[in-house]
């Protein structure tokens, strides 16, 4: 690998030789030390290495030289390579020359002749450190900007897809409205207007999760950029203090967790779009256009996906307590189970008016035949009165204000669990909370085949 180059120029050969010897002794293993006695020759050497794409972090130049003066040379170098640092080395420089170098040549430091060896070597070391720190910060900033642009593009595409699916849903709903006179499968589903309104209500959740995910993503990226600004403020004089401040800032914003959350948010936005597509597909089942697909799935993945999508509704207000057993994979309709968990969790969140707790507990009931898993979702909300408890699974029954709900969520959930050959139970006490327990067989396919 080609070494970076430090170029030194001084018309006094014995001074140049001493400078080369000191720099080679201290930095020769990491850097190539190139010397010349002419400003014009130094310019040609610089152009040669630049053309060969060899890195030149530092140029050290005398001021008073025949032909091109030191400040003129350093200004030329800065024009060609703004990142290269420069040191002016002379005892006869005018204030004007030093001013020109400072203002127009990215001058890192002025060192008077004769110099102290330790001062020279420390200055060169600090200049090189500053150069590569700035290069690293620029590289990280470009990478974060690229990642931000990529995330924004993904969000834009997902949002466009949601809008397309909403348009498709509206067209489908219009078609359903035109068939209101046809008999439905159940007398309790006779009101097609409420049915379509309920489905429209169902689609609002994933759409809201996508927009909430975008807001959270912007907040996370804001903290990431604060860390970047910390690196940009590093100088040779404050490097230790600045790095300590950056470490403190990273701890304060939980930087590693931030990066993880950025990936999780993009995944949840994707899942929100997929969730909307599943609702659109659900409409088609009323006319038997699509068949459900039975798959092997991980219940924990379904629960965690739903919690991520609902996070904006419960964070900083409701504690989620998980007690997960070691469950095997089960045969199920995963997307429909997501809808069940979504409906029950949304009800639990809305039942807690201020702060509270939602407990999610899973168990394997191996003593049952067939083997069954149970999923209990228990909240500390306002509970359900005995008067209406028997009606909660009825279609269109709701205790919410007009326009706030249609009462289809639990009815749909009940149907989905029945489709899995499972059952759902509720225990509640007004003022103390509600618990929904879902029972699902491990092998839905075997039960389905046995029934046929």
Protein backbone atom coordinates (compact mmCIF):
# COMPACT_ATOMS: atom_id res chain seq x y z
CA UNK A 1 0.00 0.00 0.00
CA UNK A 2 1.39 3.44 -1.03
CA UNK A 3 2.29 5.69 1.89
CA UNK A 4 0.83 9.21 2.21
CA UNK A 5 3.38 11.93 1.35
CA UNK A 6 4.69 14.90 3.33
CA UNK A 7 6.36 17.46 1.03
CA UNK A 8 9.07 19.77 2.44
CA UNK A 9 10.58 22.73 0.53
CA UNK A 10 13.46 25.01 1.64
CA UNK A 11 16.18 26.68 -0.46
CA UNK A 12 18.77 26.20 2.32
CA UNK A 13 19.99 22.64 1.69
CA UNK A 14 21.43 22.04 5.15
CA UNK A 15 18.13 23.18 6.73
CA UNK A 16 16.23 20.95 4.31
CA UNK A 17 18.44 17.98 5.14
CA UNK A 18 17.92 18.49 8.87
CA UNK A 19 14.17 18.77 8.40
CA UNK A 20 14.08 15.59 6.29
CA UNK A 21 16.17 13.67 8.85
CA UNK A 22 13.95 14.66 11.79
CA UNK A 23 10.73 13.85 9.95
CA UNK A 24 11.94 10.51 8.60
CA UNK A 25 13.11 9.43 12.04
CA UNK A 26 9.71 10.24 13.59
CA UNK A 27 7.27 9.55 10.73
CA UNK A 28 9.19 7.56 8.13
CA UNK A 29 7.37 4.27 8.77
CA UNK A 30 3.93 5.72 8.02
CA UNK A 31 4.75 8.50 5.55
CA UNK A 32 7.02 9.17 2.59
CA UNK A 33 9.07 12.38 3.13
CA UNK A 34 9.61 14.23 -0.17
CA UNK A 35 12.01 17.24 -0.25
CA UNK A 36 12.97 19.96 -2.74
CA UNK A 37 14.71 23.35 -2.66
CA UNK A 38 12.37 25.13 -5.10
CA UNK A 39 8.77 26.26 -4.84
CA UNK A 40 8.17 25.49 -8.52
CA UNK A 41 9.63 22.01 -8.14
CA UNK A 42 7.49 21.45 -5.05
CA UNK A 43 4.41 22.37 -7.10
CA UNK A 44 5.35 19.85 -9.80
CA UNK A 45 5.99 17.13 -7.20
CA UNK A 46 2.57 17.84 -5.66
CA UNK A 47 0.85 17.63 -9.06
CA UNK A 48 2.63 14.32 -9.77
CA UNK A 49 1.41 12.68 -6.56
CA UNK A 50 -2.06 14.18 -6.93
CA UNK A 51 -2.33 12.79 -10.47
CA UNK A 52 -1.27 9.37 -9.13
CA UNK A 53 -4.03 9.69 -6.48
CA UNK A 54 -1.51 9.43 -3.65
CA UNK A 55 -2.62 11.20 -0.50
CA UNK A 56 -0.73 14.37 0.56
CA UNK A 57 -1.89 15.36 4.04
CA UNK A 58 0.79 18.02 4.74
CA UNK A 59 3.17 20.46 3.02
CA UNK A 60 5.92 22.33 4.94
CA UNK A 61 7.38 25.33 3.11
CA UNK A 62 9.98 28.02 3.76
CA UNK A 63 8.76 31.58 3.06
CA UNK A 64 11.77 33.37 1.56
CA UNK A 65 12.93 31.43 -1.52
CA UNK A 66 14.15 32.35 -5.02
CA UNK A 67 11.27 32.47 -7.47
CA UNK A 68 7.98 31.39 -5.91
CA UNK A 69 7.62 32.51 -2.29
CA UNK A 70 6.32 30.19 0.41
CA UNK A 71 2.92 31.84 0.86
CA UNK A 72 2.38 31.84 -2.93
CA UNK A 73 3.19 28.13 -3.10
CA UNK A 74 0.87 27.25 -0.22
CA UNK A 75 -1.98 29.25 -1.77
CA UNK A 76 -1.53 27.30 -5.03
CA UNK A 77 -1.54 24.02 -3.10
CA UNK A 78 -4.73 24.97 -1.23
CA UNK A 79 -6.44 25.82 -4.53
CA UNK A 80 -5.63 22.36 -5.93
CA UNK A 81 -6.24 20.38 -2.72
CA UNK A 82 -8.26 22.26 -0.04
CA UNK A 83 -7.93 19.43 2.49
CA UNK A 84 -4.11 19.40 2.50
CA UNK A 85 -2.74 21.20 5.58
CA UNK A 86 0.19 23.62 5.35
CA UNK A 87 2.95 24.80 7.70
CA UNK A 88 4.99 27.94 7.00
CA UNK A 89 8.60 27.57 8.23
CA UNK A 90 10.73 30.73 8.27
CA UNK A 91 12.30 33.44 10.37
CA UNK A 92 11.97 36.28 7.86
CA UNK A 93 8.31 36.18 6.87
CA UNK A 94 6.43 39.47 6.68
CA UNK A 95 3.09 39.98 8.39
CA UNK A 96 1.52 40.20 4.94
CA UNK A 97 2.96 36.83 3.88
CA UNK A 98 1.76 35.15 7.05
CA UNK A 99 -1.64 36.78 6.65
CA UNK A 100 -1.91 35.51 3.08
CA UNK A 101 -1.03 31.98 4.18
CA UNK A 102 -3.57 32.06 7.00
CA UNK A 103 -6.37 33.50 4.89
CA UNK A 104 -5.83 31.73 1.58
CA UNK A 105 -3.70 28.61 2.14
CA UNK A 106 -5.39 26.65 4.97
CA UNK A 107 -2.30 27.40 7.10
CA UNK A 108 -2.21 25.07 10.08
CA UNK A 109 0.66 26.80 11.91
CA UNK A 110 3.56 29.24 11.48
CA UNK A 111 6.91 28.02 12.94
CA UNK A 112 9.84 30.41 13.26
CA UNK A 113 13.44 29.44 12.48
CA UNK A 114 15.43 28.13 14.18
CA UNK A 115 12.86 25.72 15.53
CA UNK A 116 12.87 23.38 18.50
CA UNK A 117 12.87 19.78 17.36
CA UNK A 118 10.17 18.76 19.85
CA UNK A 119 7.96 21.69 18.83
CA UNK A 120 8.29 20.83 15.14
CA UNK A 121 7.56 17.14 15.60
CA UNK A 122 4.59 17.80 17.90
CA UNK A 123 3.16 20.31 15.42
CA UNK A 124 3.50 17.87 12.51
CA UNK A 125 1.95 15.06 14.58
CA UNK A 126 -1.02 17.26 15.55
CA UNK A 127 -1.48 18.41 11.95
CA UNK A 128 -1.55 14.83 10.68
CA UNK A 129 -4.00 13.81 13.42
CA UNK A 130 -6.23 16.76 12.57
CA UNK A 131 -6.12 15.90 8.84
CA UNK A 132 -7.18 12.26 9.29
CA UNK A 133 -9.80 13.08 11.94
CA UNK A 134 -11.38 15.55 9.55
CA UNK A 135 -11.21 12.98 6.75
CA UNK A 136 -12.93 10.37 8.98
CA UNK A 137 -15.65 12.82 10.00
CA UNK A 138 -16.29 13.75 6.38
CA UNK A 139 -16.51 10.09 5.42
CA UNK A 140 -18.96 9.37 8.27
CA UNK A 141 -21.03 12.41 7.37
CA UNK A 142 -21.27 11.28 3.74
CA UNK A 143 -22.27 7.77 4.82
CA UNK A 144 -24.95 9.08 7.19
CA UNK A 145 -26.23 11.44 4.50
CA UNK A 146 -26.38 8.52 2.07
CA UNK A 147 -28.21 6.42 4.65
CA UNK A 148 -30.64 9.25 5.33
CA UNK A 149 -31.37 9.67 1.61
CA UNK A 150 -31.86 5.92 1.28
CA UNK A 151 -34.27 5.83 4.23
CA UNK A 152 -36.20 8.82 2.92
CA UNK A 153 -36.50 7.13 -0.47
CA UNK A 154 -37.80 3.94 1.17
CA UNK A 155 -40.33 5.94 3.18
CA UNK A 156 -41.44 7.78 0.05
CA UNK A 157 -41.97 4.51 -1.82
CA UNK A 158 -43.86 2.93 1.09
CA UNK A 159 -46.07 5.99 1.46
CA UNK A 160 -46.83 5.95 -2.26
CA UNK A 161 -47.71 2.26 -2.00
CA UNK A 162 -50.09 2.93 0.92
CA UNK A 163 -51.82 5.68 -1.03
CA UNK A 164 -52.18 3.36 -4.02
CA UNK A 165 -53.67 0.67 -1.81
CA UNK A 166 -56.06 3.17 -0.22
CA UNK A 167 -57.28 4.08 -3.71
CA UNK A 168 -57.76 0.40 -4.50
CA UNK A 169 -59.63 -0.04 -1.21
CA UNK A 170 -61.96 2.87 -1.99
CA UNK A 171 -62.73 1.38 -5.41
CA UNK A 172 -63.42 -2.00 -3.79
CA UNK A 173 -65.67 -0.40 -1.17
CA UNK A 174 -67.65 1.35 -3.88
CA UNK A 175 -68.16 -2.01 -5.59
CA UNK A 176 -69.32 -3.51 -2.30
CA UNK A 177 -71.81 -0.67 -1.77
CA UNK A 178 -73.39 -1.50 -5.13
CA UNK A 179 -74.12 -5.06 -3.91
CA UNK A 180 -75.84 -4.14 -0.64
CA UNK A 181 -79.03 -5.82 -1.77
CA UNK A 182 -77.39 -9.26 -1.94
CA UNK A 183 -77.78 -11.57 1.08
CA UNK A 184 -74.76 -11.81 3.36
CA UNK A 185 -73.41 -14.89 5.13
CA UNK A 186 -74.73 -13.78 8.50
CA UNK A 187 -77.73 -11.78 9.63
CA UNK A 188 -75.45 -9.88 12.02
CA UNK A 189 -73.43 -8.67 8.99
CA UNK A 190 -76.50 -7.25 7.24
CA UNK A 191 -75.45 -3.60 7.41
CA UNK A 192 -72.99 -3.28 4.55
CA UNK A 193 -72.51 0.42 5.20
CA UNK A 194 -71.18 -0.27 8.68
CA UNK A 195 -69.08 -3.13 7.33
CA UNK A 196 -67.31 -0.88 4.83
CA UNK A 197 -66.86 1.81 7.47
CA UNK A 198 -65.36 -0.78 9.80
CA UNK A 199 -62.87 -1.93 7.20
CA UNK A 200 -61.93 1.69 6.49
CA UNK A 201 -61.39 2.08 10.25
CA UNK A 202 -59.17 -1.01 10.29
CA UNK A 203 -56.91 0.38 7.59
CA UNK A 204 -56.33 3.61 9.54
CA UNK A 205 -54.08 1.82 12.05
CA UNK A 206 -51.29 0.70 9.67
CA UNK A 207 -51.47 4.02 7.81
CA UNK A 208 -51.01 5.87 11.10
CA UNK A 209 -48.13 3.57 12.05
CA UNK A 210 -46.33 4.46 8.85
CA UNK A 211 -46.64 8.18 9.50
CA UNK A 212 -45.70 7.73 13.16
CA UNK A 213 -42.67 5.72 12.05
CA UNK A 214 -41.58 8.58 9.80
CA UNK A 215 -41.75 11.04 12.72
CA UNK A 216 -39.74 8.72 14.98
CA UNK A 217 -37.18 8.24 12.20
CA UNK A 218 -36.71 12.00 11.90
CA UNK A 219 -36.17 12.32 15.68
CA UNK A 220 -33.58 9.52 15.69
CA UNK A 221 -31.67 11.03 12.75
CA UNK A 222 -31.66 14.40 14.54
CA UNK A 223 -29.76 12.79 17.46
CA UNK A 224 -27.36 11.08 15.06
CA UNK A 225 -26.57 14.42 13.40
CA UNK A 226 -25.90 15.95 16.86
CA UNK A 227 -23.14 13.37 17.31
CA UNK A 228 -21.73 14.26 13.88
CA UNK A 229 -21.67 17.95 14.83
CA UNK A 230 -19.60 16.98 17.87
CA UNK A 231 -16.95 15.45 15.60
CA UNK A 232 -16.95 18.55 13.39
CA UNK A 233 -16.06 20.72 16.40
CA UNK A 234 -12.84 18.78 17.13
CA UNK A 235 -9.67 20.86 16.87
CA UNK A 236 -6.08 20.15 17.78
CA UNK A 237 -6.52 22.17 20.95
CA UNK A 238 -9.70 20.55 22.25
CA UNK A 239 -9.47 17.01 20.88
CA UNK A 240 -9.51 15.21 24.26
CA UNK A 241 -12.30 17.34 25.70
CA UNK A 242 -14.30 17.13 22.47
CA UNK A 243 -13.99 13.34 22.28
CA UNK A 244 -15.10 13.06 25.91
CA UNK A 245 -18.11 15.26 25.11
CA UNK A 246 -18.93 13.05 22.14
CA UNK A 247 -18.73 9.91 24.29
CA UNK A 248 -21.08 11.53 26.82
CA UNK A 249 -23.46 12.59 24.06
CA UNK A 250 -23.49 9.05 22.62
CA UNK A 251 -24.35 7.66 26.04
CA UNK A 252 -27.03 10.32 26.54
CA UNK A 253 -28.81 9.54 23.26
CA UNK A 254 -28.06 5.76 23.42
CA UNK A 255 -26.30 5.90 20.04
CA UNK A 256 -26.09 2.14 19.39
CA UNK A 257 -29.77 1.75 20.21
CA UNK A 258 -30.54 4.67 17.89
CA UNK A 259 -28.97 2.90 14.91
CA UNK A 260 -30.85 -0.30 15.80
CA UNK A 261 -34.11 1.63 16.08
CA UNK A 262 -33.58 3.21 12.65
CA UNK A 263 -33.46 -0.28 11.12
CA UNK A 264 -36.50 -1.34 13.15
CA UNK A 265 -38.49 1.70 12.05
CA UNK A 266 -37.86 1.05 8.36
CA UNK A 267 -38.97 -2.55 8.91
CA UNK A 268 -42.13 -1.44 10.75
CA UNK A 269 -42.98 0.98 7.94
CA UNK A 270 -42.67 -1.89 5.50
CA UNK A 271 -44.86 -4.06 7.70
CA UNK A 272 -47.46 -1.29 7.84
CA UNK A 273 -47.67 -1.29 4.04
CA UNK A 274 -47.91 -5.09 4.03
CA UNK A 275 -50.61 -4.87 6.71
CA UNK A 276 -52.66 -2.55 4.49
CA UNK A 277 -52.28 -4.97 1.59
CA UNK A 278 -53.58 -7.77 3.82
CA UNK A 279 -56.71 -5.76 4.64
CA UNK A 280 -57.32 -5.21 0.93
CA UNK A 281 -56.90 -8.94 0.38
CA UNK A 282 -59.34 -9.53 3.25
CA UNK A 283 -62.06 -7.74 1.26
CA UNK A 284 -61.67 -10.21 -1.56
CA UNK A 285 -62.47 -13.12 0.75
CA UNK A 286 -66.08 -11.96 0.89
CA UNK A 287 -66.38 -12.90 -2.80
CA UNK A 288 -63.95 -15.89 -2.49
CA UNK A 289 -61.41 -14.38 -4.90
CA UNK A 290 -58.36 -15.44 -2.89
CA UNK A 291 -57.53 -18.48 -0.78
CA UNK A 292 -55.92 -18.18 2.63
CA UNK A 293 -52.41 -19.56 2.96
CA UNK A 294 -51.64 -21.72 5.97
CA UNK A 295 -48.04 -21.25 7.12
CA UNK A 296 -45.69 -22.16 9.95
CA UNK A 297 -45.05 -19.05 12.05
CA UNK A 298 -43.44 -17.79 15.25
CA UNK A 299 -46.08 -16.28 17.58
CA UNK A 300 -43.46 -14.05 19.20
CA UNK A 301 -42.64 -12.47 15.84
CA UNK A 302 -46.33 -11.67 15.31
CA UNK A 303 -46.62 -10.11 18.77
CA UNK A 304 -43.42 -8.10 18.47
CA UNK A 305 -44.36 -6.82 15.01
CA UNK A 306 -47.70 -5.62 16.34
CA UNK A 307 -46.11 -3.94 19.36
CA UNK A 308 -43.63 -2.09 17.15
CA UNK A 309 -46.44 -0.78 14.95
CA UNK A 310 -48.41 0.36 18.02
CA UNK A 311 -45.44 1.81 19.88
CA UNK A 312 -46.40 5.45 19.27
CA UNK A 313 -49.75 4.85 20.97
CA UNK A 314 -48.41 3.45 24.23
CA UNK A 315 -44.82 4.67 24.66
CA UNK A 316 -44.16 6.83 27.73
CA UNK A 317 -47.61 5.93 29.02
CA UNK A 318 -48.14 2.18 29.19
CA UNK A 319 -45.65 -0.45 30.35
CA UNK A 320 -45.59 -3.68 28.34
CA UNK A 321 -44.74 -6.68 30.56
CA UNK A 322 -43.91 -9.86 28.62
CA UNK A 323 -43.88 -13.37 30.06
CA UNK A 324 -43.07 -15.57 27.10
CA UNK A 325 -42.82 -19.35 27.32
CA UNK A 326 -40.61 -21.36 24.97
CA UNK A 327 -43.17 -22.06 22.24
CA UNK A 328 -42.69 -24.12 19.08
CA UNK A 329 -43.72 -22.82 15.67
CA UNK A 330 -47.43 -23.21 14.97
CA UNK A 331 -49.46 -23.73 11.80
CA UNK A 332 -51.62 -20.65 11.29
CA UNK A 333 -52.60 -17.72 9.09
CA UNK A 334 -49.94 -15.27 10.36
CA UNK A 335 -51.35 -12.08 8.88
CA UNK A 336 -54.79 -12.77 10.28
CA UNK A 337 -53.31 -13.43 13.74
CA UNK A 338 -51.59 -10.05 13.47
CA UNK A 339 -55.04 -8.55 12.95
CA UNK A 340 -56.31 -10.30 16.09
CA UNK A 341 -53.39 -9.09 18.21
CA UNK A 342 -53.79 -5.61 16.75
CA UNK A 343 -57.49 -5.42 17.61
CA UNK A 344 -57.05 -6.69 21.18
CA UNK A 345 -53.98 -4.53 21.91
CA UNK A 346 -55.63 -1.40 20.51
CA UNK A 347 -58.65 -2.03 22.77
CA UNK A 348 -56.31 -2.56 25.75
CA UNK A 349 -54.42 0.66 25.01
CA UNK A 350 -57.63 2.65 24.63
CA UNK A 351 -59.03 1.16 27.84
CA UNK A 352 -56.15 2.73 29.82
CA UNK A 353 -57.00 6.43 30.07
CA UNK A 354 -53.80 7.56 31.80
CA UNK A 355 -50.89 5.30 32.75
CA UNK A 356 -51.08 1.55 33.19
CA UNK A 357 -49.71 -1.87 32.33
CA UNK A 358 -50.42 -4.45 29.64
CA UNK A 359 -49.28 -8.00 30.42
CA UNK A 360 -48.67 -10.42 27.53
CA UNK A 361 -48.28 -14.05 28.66
CA UNK A 362 -47.82 -17.14 26.50
CA UNK A 363 -47.97 -20.81 27.55
CA UNK A 364 -47.79 -24.26 25.99
CA UNK A 365 -50.69 -26.42 27.21
CA UNK A 366 -49.18 -29.83 26.49
CA UNK A 367 -51.80 -31.61 28.63
CA UNK A 368 -54.53 -30.66 26.16
CA UNK A 369 -55.46 -32.67 23.08
CA UNK A 370 -54.57 -31.45 20.58
CA UNK A 371 -51.52 -29.57 21.89
CA UNK A 372 -52.48 -25.94 22.34
CA UNK A 373 -50.77 -22.61 22.94
CA UNK A 374 -52.39 -19.80 24.90
CA UNK A 375 -51.78 -16.08 24.49
CA UNK A 376 -53.16 -13.84 27.24
CA UNK A 377 -53.33 -10.05 26.82
CA UNK A 378 -54.33 -8.42 30.10
CA UNK A 379 -54.68 -4.68 30.75
CA UNK A 380 -55.22 -2.51 33.82
CA UNK A 381 -57.89 -0.41 32.10
CA UNK A 382 -61.45 0.44 33.05
CA UNK A 383 -62.81 -3.08 32.43
CA UNK A 384 -66.18 -4.17 31.03
CA UNK A 385 -69.47 -4.23 32.96
CA UNK A 386 -71.42 -7.49 33.36
CA UNK A 387 -74.30 -5.87 31.46
CA UNK A 388 -72.45 -5.68 28.16
CA UNK A 389 -69.88 -8.45 28.57
CA UNK A 390 -71.96 -10.97 26.58
CA UNK A 391 -72.23 -8.58 23.60
CA UNK A 392 -68.58 -7.68 23.00
CA UNK A 393 -68.12 -10.21 20.17
CA UNK A 394 -71.31 -9.15 18.39
CA UNK A 395 -70.72 -7.35 15.08
CA UNK A 396 -71.22 -3.56 15.28
CA UNK A 397 -71.47 -3.54 19.06
CA UNK A 398 -69.31 -0.78 20.53
CA UNK A 399 -69.18 1.37 23.65
CA UNK A 400 -67.25 4.11 21.86
CA UNK A 401 -68.71 7.42 20.75
CA UNK A 402 -70.21 7.74 17.29
CA UNK A 403 -67.45 7.88 14.70
CA UNK A 404 -64.86 6.39 17.08
CA UNK A 405 -65.48 2.72 16.31
CA UNK A 406 -67.82 0.30 14.60
CA UNK A 407 -67.62 -2.72 16.90
CA UNK A 408 -66.16 -4.98 14.20
CA UNK A 409 -62.69 -5.51 15.71
CA UNK A 410 -63.56 -8.23 18.24
CA UNK A 411 -66.13 -9.80 15.92
CA UNK A 412 -63.47 -10.16 13.22
CA UNK A 413 -60.98 -11.47 15.80
CA UNK A 414 -63.49 -14.07 16.98
CA UNK A 415 -64.01 -15.29 13.39
CA UNK A 416 -60.25 -15.50 12.75
CA UNK A 417 -59.65 -17.59 15.90
CA UNK A 418 -62.52 -19.91 14.94
CA UNK A 419 -60.90 -20.29 11.52
CA UNK A 420 -57.81 -21.59 13.35
CA UNK A 421 -59.99 -24.14 15.22
CA UNK A 422 -59.18 -22.22 18.37
CA UNK A 423 -61.12 -20.22 20.92
CA UNK A 424 -61.00 -16.86 22.67
CA UNK A 425 -62.11 -16.14 26.24
CA UNK A 426 -62.50 -12.93 28.19
CA UNK A 427 -62.32 -12.24 31.92
CA UNK A 428 -63.02 -8.72 33.14
CA UNK A 429 -64.04 -6.67 36.12
CA UNK A 430 -65.19 -3.11 35.83
CA UNK A 431 -62.60 -0.70 37.17
CA UNK A 432 -59.86 -3.35 37.37
CA UNK A 433 -59.10 -4.39 33.82
CA UNK A 434 -59.72 -7.01 31.13
CA UNK A 435 -57.90 -10.15 29.97
CA UNK A 436 -58.37 -11.81 26.58
CA UNK A 437 -56.98 -15.34 26.30
CA UNK A 438 -56.52 -16.90 22.86
CA UNK A 439 -56.18 -20.69 22.51
CA UNK A 440 -54.64 -22.01 19.30
CA UNK A 441 -53.84 -25.63 18.32
CA UNK A 442 -50.27 -26.27 17.18
CA UNK A 443 -51.38 -28.08 14.03
CA UNK A 444 -54.29 -26.36 12.35
CA UNK A 445 -53.70 -28.25 9.10
CA UNK A 446 -54.18 -31.67 10.73
CA UNK A 447 -57.44 -30.55 12.32
CA UNK A 448 -58.65 -29.10 9.06
CA UNK A 449 -57.90 -32.32 7.16
CA UNK A 450 -59.48 -34.43 9.91
CA UNK A 451 -62.68 -32.42 9.76
CA UNK A 452 -62.92 -32.97 6.01
